[in-house]
Amino acid sequence: MTTKTIRQSVVFAASPHEVYEALMDAKKHATFTGSKARVSRKVGGAFAIFDDGLSGTNLELVADKKIVQAWRCEMKGWPADHFSKATFALSKTKTGTKLAFTHSGVPTACVKDITQGWRDYYWKPMKEMLD
């Protein structure tokens, strides 16, 4: 299986703490995704979102700065035993927070849908909630 890396950047008119909490607080996560979310706040803890369609574990957590997760998706072309790596790096800007996102190990067959999915199901609704 071949994989690719997705890189995206988005700016929010909110503090790094607010962006971090939107991703790591299950209730806030559910608010912007419109889907039930279970999100552990511990390294090694699990998360499951979109009726368990997205799941994985937290590899590294630095409050208000960085989230690294082993990440998988239930979709055609994504092998059942394959985990990619999603990294959310937060930095303070004059007007809010820049989120530099890197998603490595994404199966090539899924790159187009996953790339658009981050924009449609994460960044856009997060901006609407936070800005």
N, C-alpha and C. Protein backbone atom coordinates (compact mmCIF):
# COMPACT_ATOMS: atom_id res chain seq x y z
N MET A 1 0.85 -1.19 0.00
CA MET A 1 0.00 0.00 0.00
C MET A 1 0.89 1.24 0.00
N THR A 2 0.55 2.17 -0.86
CA THR A 2 1.26 3.45 -0.85
C THR A 2 0.46 4.47 -0.05
N THR A 3 1.19 5.39 0.57
CA THR A 3 0.54 6.42 1.38
C THR A 3 1.07 7.80 0.99
N LYS A 4 0.34 8.80 1.41
CA LYS A 4 0.74 10.19 1.16
C LYS A 4 0.56 10.99 2.45
N THR A 5 1.07 12.21 2.43
CA THR A 5 0.94 13.12 3.57
C THR A 5 0.10 14.31 3.15
N ILE A 6 -0.86 14.66 3.99
CA ILE A 6 -1.70 15.84 3.79
C ILE A 6 -1.19 16.93 4.72
N ARG A 7 -1.01 18.13 4.18
CA ARG A 7 -0.62 19.28 5.00
C ARG A 7 -1.63 20.40 4.78
N GLN A 8 -2.16 20.92 5.87
CA GLN A 8 -3.12 22.01 5.78
C GLN A 8 -2.82 23.01 6.90
N SER A 9 -3.23 24.24 6.69
CA SER A 9 -3.05 25.29 7.69
C SER A 9 -4.33 26.09 7.75
N VAL A 10 -4.75 26.42 8.96
CA VAL A 10 -5.97 27.20 9.14
C VAL A 10 -5.76 28.15 10.32
N VAL A 11 -6.35 29.33 10.21
CA VAL A 11 -6.24 30.32 11.27
C VAL A 11 -7.62 30.53 11.89
N PHE A 12 -7.64 30.51 13.22
CA PHE A 12 -8.88 30.73 13.96
C PHE A 12 -8.78 32.01 14.77
N ALA A 13 -9.89 32.74 14.87
CA ALA A 13 -9.96 33.94 15.70
C ALA A 13 -10.31 33.50 17.12
N ALA A 14 -9.45 32.67 17.68
CA ALA A 14 -9.65 32.12 19.03
C ALA A 14 -8.26 31.79 19.59
N SER A 15 -8.18 31.67 20.90
CA SER A 15 -6.90 31.39 21.54
C SER A 15 -6.48 29.94 21.28
N PRO A 16 -5.17 29.65 21.42
CA PRO A 16 -4.73 28.25 21.30
C PRO A 16 -5.48 27.34 22.28
N HIS A 17 -5.77 27.83 23.46
CA HIS A 17 -6.51 27.03 24.44
C HIS A 17 -7.91 26.67 23.91
N GLU A 18 -8.60 27.63 23.31
CA GLU A 18 -9.93 27.37 22.78
C GLU A 18 -9.89 26.36 21.62
N VAL A 19 -8.89 26.46 20.77
CA VAL A 19 -8.75 25.51 19.65
C VAL A 19 -8.43 24.12 20.18
N TYR A 20 -7.50 24.05 21.12
CA TYR A 20 -7.13 22.76 21.73
C TYR A 20 -8.36 22.11 22.37
N GLU A 21 -9.12 22.90 23.11
CA GLU A 21 -10.31 22.37 23.79
C GLU A 21 -11.37 21.92 22.79
N ALA A 22 -11.51 22.62 21.67
CA ALA A 22 -12.49 22.21 20.65
C ALA A 22 -12.17 20.79 20.15
N LEU A 23 -10.89 20.48 20.05
CA LEU A 23 -10.47 19.17 19.57
C LEU A 23 -10.47 18.10 20.66
N MET A 24 -10.13 18.48 21.89
CA MET A 24 -9.93 17.49 22.96
C MET A 24 -11.08 17.34 23.94
N ASP A 25 -12.00 18.28 23.98
CA ASP A 25 -13.16 18.17 24.86
C ASP A 25 -14.28 17.48 24.07
N ALA A 26 -14.74 16.33 24.55
CA ALA A 26 -15.73 15.54 23.80
C ALA A 26 -17.00 16.33 23.49
N LYS A 27 -17.48 17.13 24.44
CA LYS A 27 -18.71 17.90 24.20
C LYS A 27 -18.51 18.98 23.15
N LYS A 28 -17.40 19.68 23.22
CA LYS A 28 -17.12 20.72 22.22
C LYS A 28 -16.88 20.10 20.85
N HIS A 29 -16.17 18.97 20.84
CA HIS A 29 -15.92 18.26 19.58
C HIS A 29 -17.24 17.85 18.94
N ALA A 30 -18.15 17.33 19.75
CA ALA A 30 -19.46 16.92 19.25
C ALA A 30 -20.26 18.12 18.74
N THR A 31 -20.08 19.27 19.37
CA THR A 31 -20.79 20.48 18.95
C THR A 31 -20.43 20.87 17.53
N PHE A 32 -19.14 20.92 17.21
CA PHE A 32 -18.78 21.39 15.86
C PHE A 32 -18.91 20.30 14.80
N THR A 33 -18.79 19.02 15.19
CA THR A 33 -18.94 17.96 14.19
C THR A 33 -20.39 17.53 14.01
N GLY A 34 -21.23 17.82 15.00
CA GLY A 34 -22.62 17.38 14.94
C GLY A 34 -22.75 15.88 15.12
N SER A 35 -21.74 15.27 15.72
CA SER A 35 -21.72 13.82 15.92
C SER A 35 -21.17 13.50 17.30
N LYS A 36 -21.68 12.44 17.90
CA LYS A 36 -21.20 12.00 19.20
C LYS A 36 -19.68 11.78 19.14
N ALA A 37 -18.99 12.20 20.21
CA ALA A 37 -17.54 12.04 20.25
C ALA A 37 -17.11 11.51 21.61
N ARG A 38 -16.18 10.58 21.59
CA ARG A 38 -15.51 10.12 22.81
C ARG A 38 -14.04 10.46 22.62
N VAL A 39 -13.51 11.29 23.52
CA VAL A 39 -12.13 11.75 23.37
C VAL A 39 -11.42 11.67 24.72
N SER A 40 -10.43 10.80 24.82
CA SER A 40 -9.62 10.73 26.02
C SER A 40 -8.67 11.92 26.04
N ARG A 41 -8.37 12.41 27.21
CA ARG A 41 -7.44 13.52 27.36
C ARG A 41 -6.08 13.04 27.86
N LYS A 42 -5.81 11.74 27.70
CA LYS A 42 -4.56 11.15 28.18
C LYS A 42 -3.77 10.55 27.03
N VAL A 43 -2.44 10.60 27.14
CA VAL A 43 -1.58 9.92 26.17
C VAL A 43 -1.85 8.42 26.30
N GLY A 44 -2.07 7.77 25.17
CA GLY A 44 -2.42 6.36 25.15
C GLY A 44 -3.92 6.12 25.20
N GLY A 45 -4.69 7.19 25.49
CA GLY A 45 -6.14 7.09 25.53
C GLY A 45 -6.74 7.09 24.14
N ALA A 46 -7.93 6.56 24.04
CA ALA A 46 -8.59 6.40 22.74
C ALA A 46 -9.55 7.54 22.44
N PHE A 47 -9.83 7.70 21.16
CA PHE A 47 -10.90 8.60 20.71
C PHE A 47 -11.71 7.87 19.64
N ALA A 48 -12.97 8.25 19.53
CA ALA A 48 -13.85 7.71 18.49
C ALA A 48 -14.89 8.78 18.16
N ILE A 49 -15.03 9.09 16.88
CA ILE A 49 -15.88 10.17 16.41
C ILE A 49 -16.67 9.68 15.20
N PHE A 50 -17.76 10.36 14.88
CA PHE A 50 -18.58 10.01 13.73
C PHE A 50 -19.02 8.55 13.77
N ASP A 51 -19.73 8.18 14.85
CA ASP A 51 -20.22 6.81 15.02
C ASP A 51 -19.10 5.78 14.86
N ASP A 52 -17.95 6.09 15.45
CA ASP A 52 -16.76 5.24 15.40
C ASP A 52 -16.15 5.15 14.00
N GLY A 53 -16.56 6.01 13.09
CA GLY A 53 -15.99 6.03 11.74
C GLY A 53 -14.56 6.53 11.73
N LEU A 54 -14.21 7.37 12.70
CA LEU A 54 -12.84 7.83 12.91
C LEU A 54 -12.46 7.38 14.31
N SER A 55 -11.27 6.78 14.45
CA SER A 55 -10.86 6.33 15.77
C SER A 55 -9.34 6.24 15.84
N GLY A 56 -8.85 6.11 17.06
CA GLY A 56 -7.42 5.97 17.26
C GLY A 56 -7.02 6.24 18.69
N THR A 57 -5.74 6.58 18.88
CA THR A 57 -5.22 6.86 20.21
C THR A 57 -4.35 8.11 20.20
N ASN A 58 -4.26 8.72 21.36
CA ASN A 58 -3.41 9.90 21.53
C ASN A 58 -1.97 9.45 21.74
N LEU A 59 -1.07 9.95 20.91
CA LEU A 59 0.35 9.61 21.01
C LEU A 59 1.12 10.66 21.81
N GLU A 60 0.72 11.92 21.65
CA GLU A 60 1.39 13.03 22.34
C GLU A 60 0.38 14.14 22.55
N LEU A 61 0.37 14.70 23.74
CA LEU A 61 -0.51 15.82 24.06
C LEU A 61 0.28 16.87 24.83
N VAL A 62 0.32 18.08 24.28
CA VAL A 62 0.92 19.22 24.96
C VAL A 62 -0.17 20.28 25.00
N ALA A 63 -0.72 20.50 26.17
CA ALA A 63 -1.87 21.39 26.33
C ALA A 63 -1.69 22.71 25.59
N ASP A 64 -2.68 23.05 24.78
CA ASP A 64 -2.75 24.31 24.05
C ASP A 64 -1.66 24.47 22.98
N LYS A 65 -0.89 23.40 22.69
CA LYS A 65 0.19 23.51 21.72
C LYS A 65 0.22 22.41 20.67
N LYS A 66 -0.03 21.15 21.09
CA LYS A 66 0.17 20.06 20.14
C LYS A 66 -0.66 18.83 20.51
N ILE A 67 -1.20 18.20 19.47
CA ILE A 67 -1.92 16.93 19.58
C ILE A 67 -1.37 16.02 18.48
N VAL A 68 -0.94 14.84 18.86
CA VAL A 68 -0.49 13.85 17.87
C VAL A 68 -1.30 12.58 18.14
N GLN A 69 -1.93 12.07 17.08
CA GLN A 69 -2.80 10.90 17.23
C GLN A 69 -2.51 9.84 16.18
N ALA A 70 -2.59 8.57 16.61
CA ALA A 70 -2.65 7.46 15.67
C ALA A 70 -4.12 7.45 15.23
N TRP A 71 -4.36 7.48 13.94
CA TRP A 71 -5.69 7.82 13.41
C TRP A 71 -6.06 6.85 12.30
N ARG A 72 -7.31 6.40 12.33
CA ARG A 72 -7.80 5.55 11.24
C ARG A 72 -9.24 5.91 10.89
N CYS A 73 -9.63 5.50 9.71
CA CYS A 73 -10.95 5.84 9.18
C CYS A 73 -11.61 4.60 8.60
N GLU A 74 -12.90 4.48 8.83
CA GLU A 74 -13.68 3.40 8.21
C GLU A 74 -14.16 3.89 6.85
N MET A 75 -13.43 3.55 5.82
CA MET A 75 -13.84 3.94 4.47
C MET A 75 -13.21 3.00 3.45
N LYS A 76 -13.81 2.96 2.28
CA LYS A 76 -13.29 2.12 1.19
C LYS A 76 -11.85 2.55 0.88
N GLY A 77 -10.97 1.58 0.80
CA GLY A 77 -9.58 1.86 0.48
C GLY A 77 -8.69 2.00 1.70
N TRP A 78 -9.29 2.03 2.90
CA TRP A 78 -8.49 2.17 4.13
C TRP A 78 -8.41 0.79 4.79
N PRO A 79 -7.23 0.16 4.82
CA PRO A 79 -7.09 -1.16 5.44
C PRO A 79 -7.48 -1.15 6.92
N ALA A 80 -8.16 -2.19 7.37
CA ALA A 80 -8.68 -2.26 8.74
C ALA A 80 -7.60 -2.15 9.80
N ASP A 81 -6.40 -2.61 9.52
CA ASP A 81 -5.34 -2.60 10.53
C ASP A 81 -4.36 -1.44 10.38
N HIS A 82 -4.66 -0.49 9.51
CA HIS A 82 -3.72 0.61 9.23
C HIS A 82 -4.06 1.86 10.04
N PHE A 83 -3.04 2.42 10.68
CA PHE A 83 -3.17 3.69 11.38
C PHE A 83 -2.24 4.72 10.74
N SER A 84 -2.78 5.91 10.50
CA SER A 84 -1.99 7.03 10.03
C SER A 84 -1.61 7.86 11.25
N LYS A 85 -0.97 9.00 11.03
CA LYS A 85 -0.57 9.87 12.13
C LYS A 85 -1.05 11.29 11.83
N ALA A 86 -1.88 11.82 12.72
CA ALA A 86 -2.41 13.18 12.58
C ALA A 86 -1.76 14.08 13.64
N THR A 87 -1.17 15.19 13.18
CA THR A 87 -0.51 16.13 14.09
C THR A 87 -1.15 17.50 13.95
N PHE A 88 -1.62 18.03 15.07
CA PHE A 88 -2.20 19.36 15.15
C PHE A 88 -1.23 20.22 15.95
N ALA A 89 -0.57 21.18 15.31
CA ALA A 89 0.37 22.07 15.99
C ALA A 89 -0.25 23.46 16.07
N LEU A 90 -0.39 23.99 17.29
CA LEU A 90 -1.05 25.27 17.50
C LEU A 90 -0.03 26.34 17.86
N SER A 91 -0.16 27.50 17.24
CA SER A 91 0.70 28.63 17.59
C SER A 91 -0.13 29.91 17.65
N LYS A 92 0.19 30.72 18.64
CA LYS A 92 -0.53 31.98 18.85
C LYS A 92 -0.15 32.98 17.77
N THR A 93 -1.15 33.69 17.26
CA THR A 93 -0.92 34.78 16.31
C THR A 93 -1.46 36.06 16.92
N LYS A 94 -1.28 37.18 16.23
CA LYS A 94 -1.79 38.46 16.73
C LYS A 94 -3.32 38.44 16.86
N THR A 95 -3.97 37.69 15.98
CA THR A 95 -5.44 37.70 15.96
C THR A 95 -6.08 36.39 16.42
N GLY A 96 -5.27 35.42 16.86
CA GLY A 96 -5.84 34.16 17.30
C GLY A 96 -4.85 33.03 17.30
N THR A 97 -5.14 32.00 16.51
CA THR A 97 -4.31 30.79 16.50
C THR A 97 -4.15 30.25 15.09
N LYS A 98 -2.92 29.88 14.78
CA LYS A 98 -2.65 29.15 13.53
C LYS A 98 -2.54 27.68 13.89
N LEU A 99 -3.29 26.85 13.17
CA LEU A 99 -3.21 25.41 13.32
C LEU A 99 -2.50 24.86 12.09
N ALA A 100 -1.32 24.31 12.30
CA ALA A 100 -0.58 23.65 11.23
C ALA A 100 -0.87 22.16 11.37
N PHE A 101 -1.48 21.59 10.35
CA PHE A 101 -1.94 20.21 10.41
C PHE A 101 -1.16 19.34 9.44
N THR A 102 -0.69 18.19 9.92
CA THR A 102 0.00 17.21 9.08
C THR A 102 -0.62 15.85 9.32
N HIS A 103 -1.03 15.20 8.26
CA HIS A 103 -1.65 13.87 8.36
C HIS A 103 -0.85 12.94 7.46
N SER A 104 0.03 12.15 8.06
CA SER A 104 0.91 11.27 7.28
C SER A 104 0.40 9.82 7.31
N GLY A 105 0.82 9.07 6.31
CA GLY A 105 0.42 7.66 6.23
C GLY A 105 -0.99 7.44 5.74
N VAL A 106 -1.54 8.41 5.00
CA VAL A 106 -2.90 8.28 4.47
C VAL A 106 -2.84 7.43 3.19
N PRO A 107 -3.59 6.33 3.15
CA PRO A 107 -3.58 5.51 1.92
C PRO A 107 -3.90 6.38 0.70
N THR A 108 -3.12 6.22 -0.34
CA THR A 108 -3.26 7.03 -1.55
C THR A 108 -4.69 7.05 -2.08
N ALA A 109 -5.37 5.91 -2.02
CA ALA A 109 -6.75 5.83 -2.52
C ALA A 109 -7.72 6.72 -1.73
N CYS A 110 -7.33 7.13 -0.53
CA CYS A 110 -8.22 7.91 0.34
C CYS A 110 -7.85 9.38 0.45
N VAL A 111 -6.71 9.77 -0.12
CA VAL A 111 -6.18 11.13 0.08
C VAL A 111 -7.17 12.22 -0.33
N LYS A 112 -7.78 12.11 -1.49
CA LYS A 112 -8.69 13.16 -1.96
C LYS A 112 -9.85 13.35 -0.99
N ASP A 113 -10.51 12.27 -0.58
CA ASP A 113 -11.66 12.37 0.32
C ASP A 113 -11.26 12.84 1.72
N ILE A 114 -10.14 12.34 2.23
CA ILE A 114 -9.68 12.75 3.56
C ILE A 114 -9.28 14.23 3.55
N THR A 115 -8.58 14.66 2.51
CA THR A 115 -8.18 16.07 2.40
C THR A 115 -9.41 16.97 2.46
N GLN A 116 -10.41 16.67 1.67
CA GLN A 116 -11.64 17.48 1.66
C GLN A 116 -12.42 17.32 2.96
N GLY A 117 -12.38 16.13 3.53
CA GLY A 117 -13.07 15.88 4.79
C GLY A 117 -12.58 16.76 5.93
N TRP A 118 -11.26 16.94 6.02
CA TRP A 118 -10.73 17.83 7.06
C TRP A 118 -11.29 19.24 6.86
N ARG A 119 -11.34 19.71 5.64
CA ARG A 119 -11.86 21.07 5.37
C ARG A 119 -13.36 21.18 5.72
N ASP A 120 -14.13 20.20 5.25
CA ASP A 120 -15.59 20.26 5.38
C ASP A 120 -16.11 19.92 6.77
N TYR A 121 -15.49 18.93 7.41
CA TYR A 121 -16.02 18.41 8.68
C TYR A 121 -15.26 18.86 9.91
N TYR A 122 -14.12 19.52 9.70
CA TYR A 122 -13.35 20.04 10.84
C TYR A 122 -13.13 21.54 10.75
N TRP A 123 -12.33 21.99 9.80
CA TRP A 123 -11.92 23.40 9.81
C TRP A 123 -13.10 24.35 9.64
N LYS A 124 -13.97 24.09 8.68
CA LYS A 124 -15.11 25.00 8.45
C LYS A 124 -16.03 25.07 9.67
N PRO A 125 -16.51 23.94 10.22
CA PRO A 125 -17.39 24.06 11.40
C PRO A 125 -16.65 24.54 12.65
N MET A 126 -15.37 24.24 12.77
CA MET A 126 -14.61 24.78 13.92
C MET A 126 -14.54 26.30 13.84
N LYS A 127 -14.28 26.81 12.62
CA LYS A 127 -14.23 28.27 12.44
C LYS A 127 -15.58 28.89 12.80
N GLU A 128 -16.66 28.25 12.36
CA GLU A 128 -18.00 28.78 12.66
C GLU A 128 -18.24 28.80 14.16
N MET A 129 -17.76 27.79 14.88
CA MET A 129 -17.95 27.72 16.32
C MET A 129 -17.04 28.69 17.08
N LEU A 130 -15.79 28.83 16.62
CA LEU A 130 -14.79 29.59 17.37
C LEU A 130 -14.66 31.07 16.98
N ASP A 131 -14.88 31.37 15.71
CA ASP A 131 -14.64 32.75 15.24
C ASP A 131 -15.76 33.70 15.65
